[in-house]
Amino acid sequence: MNKDNSILVYGATVDQETRCIHYHTRKDIIAIKFRCCQKYYPCYQCHNESENHAIRVWKKQEYEESVVLCGVCRHQFSITDYITKGQCPQCRSTFNSNCSRHFQLYFEM
């Protein structure tokens, strides 16, 4: 797999697979590009601790934008794939299913 380590992930990351101080289980391996600042963060808390603006959620008509980053293989993929598949479309790494509790913080539901 081709890891693109040139993609910067901001926030309080604790490893190269995008885990952060807030969410760091084995399956916490994604970062989301925030619509408001176009920066990848592992979670909304990392964003809010680093930025001085409110989060702007991705609109439903933008769900095909590649704004989710797999921390394992560094593949960027769509919101639709993230919400519906629960795993990376490239390397098949499984994501934390509990993240769905926070979807409304990132995506128009």
C-alpha atoms as a PDB file:
ATOM      1  CA  MET A   1       0.000   0.000   0.000  1.00  0.00           C
ATOM      2  CA  ASN A   2       1.158   3.462  -0.848  1.00  0.00           C
ATOM      3  CA  LYS A   3       1.147   5.650   2.248  1.00  0.00           C
ATOM      4  CA  ASP A   4       0.935   9.347   1.450  1.00  0.00           C
ATOM      5  CA  ASN A   5       2.565  10.823   4.520  1.00  0.00           C
ATOM      6  CA  SER A   6       2.532  14.266   2.910  1.00  0.00           C
ATOM      7  CA  ILE A   7      -1.074  14.741   4.081  1.00  0.00           C
ATOM      8  CA  LEU A   8      -0.880  16.672   7.318  1.00  0.00           C
ATOM      9  CA  VAL A   9      -3.141  15.643  10.172  1.00  0.00           C
ATOM     10  CA  TYR A  10      -3.496  18.389  12.750  1.00  0.00           C
ATOM     11  CA  GLY A  11      -4.397  18.119  16.421  1.00  0.00           C
ATOM     12  CA  ALA A  12      -3.181  16.109  19.363  1.00  0.00           C
ATOM     13  CA  THR A  13      -2.234  12.967  17.454  1.00  0.00           C
ATOM     14  CA  VAL A  14      -0.481  10.191  19.343  1.00  0.00           C
ATOM     15  CA  ASP A  15       0.693   8.038  16.425  1.00  0.00           C
ATOM     16  CA  GLN A  16       1.090   7.856  12.646  1.00  0.00           C
ATOM     17  CA  GLU A  17      -2.327   6.211  12.200  1.00  0.00           C
ATOM     18  CA  THR A  18      -4.223   9.386  13.213  1.00  0.00           C
ATOM     19  CA  ARG A  19      -5.169   8.334  16.747  1.00  0.00           C
ATOM     20  CA  CYS A  20      -5.418  11.284  19.108  1.00  0.00           C
ATOM     21  CA  ILE A  21      -5.442  11.929  22.827  1.00  0.00           C
ATOM     22  CA  HIS A  22      -9.256  11.887  22.780  1.00  0.00           C
ATOM     23  CA  TYR A  23      -9.827   8.713  20.709  1.00  0.00           C
ATOM     24  CA  HIS A  24      -7.057   6.142  20.564  1.00  0.00           C
ATOM     25  CA  THR A  25      -8.432   2.612  20.392  1.00  0.00           C
ATOM     26  CA  ARG A  26      -7.127   0.159  17.815  1.00  0.00           C
ATOM     27  CA  LYS A  27      -9.971   1.150  15.470  1.00  0.00           C
ATOM     28  CA  ASP A  28      -9.662   4.946  15.822  1.00  0.00           C
ATOM     29  CA  ILE A  29      -7.764   5.285  12.566  1.00  0.00           C
ATOM     30  CA  ILE A  30      -9.423   7.999  10.520  1.00  0.00           C
ATOM     31  CA  ALA A  31      -9.065  11.730  10.134  1.00  0.00           C
ATOM     32  CA  ILE A  32     -11.655  14.009   8.600  1.00  0.00           C
ATOM     33  CA  LYS A  33     -10.957  17.068   6.491  1.00  0.00           C
ATOM     34  CA  PHE A  34     -13.053  19.762   8.106  1.00  0.00           C
ATOM     35  CA  ARG A  35     -15.169  21.744   5.676  1.00  0.00           C
ATOM     36  CA  CYS A  36     -14.568  25.012   7.518  1.00  0.00           C
ATOM     37  CA  CYS A  37     -10.765  25.068   7.355  1.00  0.00           C
ATOM     38  CA  GLN A  38      -9.877  22.296   4.879  1.00  0.00           C
ATOM     39  CA  LYS A  39      -7.567  20.673   7.449  1.00  0.00           C
ATOM     40  CA  TYR A  40      -7.550  17.045   8.525  1.00  0.00           C
ATOM     41  CA  TYR A  41      -8.180  16.390  12.217  1.00  0.00           C
ATOM     42  CA  PRO A  42      -8.728  13.064  14.015  1.00  0.00           C
ATOM     43  CA  CYS A  43     -11.788  14.398  15.856  1.00  0.00           C
ATOM     44  CA  TYR A  44     -13.941  17.414  16.592  1.00  0.00           C
ATOM     45  CA  GLN A  45     -12.194  17.971  19.930  1.00  0.00           C
ATOM     46  CA  CYS A  46      -8.788  18.248  18.253  1.00  0.00           C
ATOM     47  CA  HIS A  47     -10.323  20.731  15.806  1.00  0.00           C
ATOM     48  CA  ASN A  48     -11.918  22.838  18.522  1.00  0.00           C
ATOM     49  CA  GLU A  49      -8.718  22.928  20.585  1.00  0.00           C
ATOM     50  CA  SER A  50      -6.683  24.102  17.581  1.00  0.00           C
ATOM     51  CA  GLU A  51      -8.987  26.442  15.649  1.00  0.00           C
ATOM     52  CA  ASN A  52     -10.850  29.615  16.599  1.00  0.00           C
ATOM     53  CA  HIS A  53     -13.875  29.069  14.349  1.00  0.00           C
ATOM     54  CA  ALA A  54     -16.973  26.925  14.510  1.00  0.00           C
ATOM     55  CA  ILE A  55     -17.162  23.618  12.676  1.00  0.00           C
ATOM     56  CA  ARG A  56     -19.047  23.718   9.382  1.00  0.00           C
ATOM     57  CA  VAL A  57     -20.537  20.332   8.509  1.00  0.00           C
ATOM     58  CA  TRP A  58     -20.311  18.747   5.063  1.00  0.00           C
ATOM     59  CA  LYS A  59     -23.627  19.031   3.197  1.00  0.00           C
ATOM     60  CA  LYS A  60     -25.420  15.945   1.868  1.00  0.00           C
ATOM     61  CA  GLN A  61     -24.740  17.022  -1.705  1.00  0.00           C
ATOM     62  CA  GLU A  62     -20.998  16.917  -0.865  1.00  0.00           C
ATOM     63  CA  TYR A  63     -20.967  13.299   0.341  1.00  0.00           C
ATOM     64  CA  GLU A  64     -18.937  12.154  -2.682  1.00  0.00           C
ATOM     65  CA  GLU A  65     -16.056  14.451  -1.723  1.00  0.00           C
ATOM     66  CA  SER A  66     -12.937  12.538  -0.628  1.00  0.00           C
ATOM     67  CA  VAL A  67     -12.515  14.049   2.821  1.00  0.00           C
ATOM     68  CA  VAL A  68     -11.910  11.015   5.031  1.00  0.00           C
ATOM     69  CA  LEU A  69      -8.375   9.695   5.486  1.00  0.00           C
ATOM     70  CA  CYS A  70      -7.510   6.154   6.542  1.00  0.00           C
ATOM     71  CA  GLY A  71      -4.693   6.341   9.057  1.00  0.00           C
ATOM     72  CA  VAL A  72      -3.416   2.893   8.110  1.00  0.00           C
ATOM     73  CA  CYS A  73      -2.957   3.202   4.333  1.00  0.00           C
ATOM     74  CA  ARG A  74      -3.467   6.995   3.931  1.00  0.00           C
ATOM     75  CA  HIS A  75      -6.182   6.477   1.318  1.00  0.00           C
ATOM     76  CA  GLN A  76      -8.628   9.389   0.980  1.00  0.00           C
ATOM     77  CA  PHE A  77     -12.239   8.425   0.361  1.00  0.00           C
ATOM     78  CA  SER A  78     -15.766   9.768   0.341  1.00  0.00           C
ATOM     79  CA  ILE A  79     -18.115  10.530   3.175  1.00  0.00           C
ATOM     80  CA  THR A  80     -20.580   8.066   1.634  1.00  0.00           C
ATOM     81  CA  ASP A  81     -18.019   5.254   1.841  1.00  0.00           C
ATOM     82  CA  TYR A  82     -17.157   6.184   5.417  1.00  0.00           C
ATOM     83  CA  ILE A  83     -20.759   6.295   6.607  1.00  0.00           C
ATOM     84  CA  THR A  84     -21.957   3.179   4.786  1.00  0.00           C
ATOM     85  CA  LYS A  85     -19.024   0.762   4.803  1.00  0.00           C
ATOM     86  CA  GLY A  86     -17.341   0.962   8.212  1.00  0.00           C
ATOM     87  CA  GLN A  87     -13.977   0.054   6.736  1.00  0.00           C
ATOM     88  CA  CYS A  88     -11.385   1.517   4.408  1.00  0.00           C
ATOM     89  CA  PRO A  89     -12.297   0.866   0.773  1.00  0.00           C
ATOM     90  CA  GLN A  90      -8.623   0.301  -0.030  1.00  0.00           C
ATOM     91  CA  CYS A  91      -6.953  -1.637   2.819  1.00  0.00           C
ATOM     92  CA  ARG A  92     -10.151  -2.921   4.509  1.00  0.00           C
ATOM     93  CA  SER A  93      -9.072  -1.721   7.971  1.00  0.00           C
ATOM     94  CA  THR A  94     -12.126  -1.592  10.228  1.00  0.00           C
ATOM     95  CA  PHE A  95     -13.157   1.701  11.807  1.00  0.00           C
ATOM     96  CA  ASN A  96     -14.636   2.356  15.234  1.00  0.00           C
ATOM     97  CA  SER A  97     -18.398   1.907  14.882  1.00  0.00           C
ATOM     98  CA  ASN A  98     -18.978   4.241  17.849  1.00  0.00           C
ATOM     99  CA  CYS A  99     -17.856   7.155  15.668  1.00  0.00           C
ATOM    100  CA  SER A 100     -21.342   7.142  14.177  1.00  0.00           C
ATOM    101  CA  ARG A 101     -22.521   8.832  17.388  1.00  0.00           C
ATOM    102  CA  HIS A 102     -20.641  11.938  16.224  1.00  0.00           C
ATOM    103  CA  PHE A 103     -21.514  11.984  12.527  1.00  0.00           C
ATOM    104  CA  GLN A 104     -23.790  14.996  12.994  1.00  0.00           C
ATOM    105  CA  LEU A 105     -20.757  17.017  14.134  1.00  0.00           C
ATOM    106  CA  TYR A 106     -19.077  16.496  10.757  1.00  0.00           C
ATOM    107  CA  PHE A 107     -21.820  15.709   8.257  1.00  0.00           C
ATOM    108  CA  GLU A 108     -25.327  16.957   7.551  1.00  0.00           C
ATOM    109  CA  MET A 109     -27.565  14.033   8.495  1.00  0.00           C
END
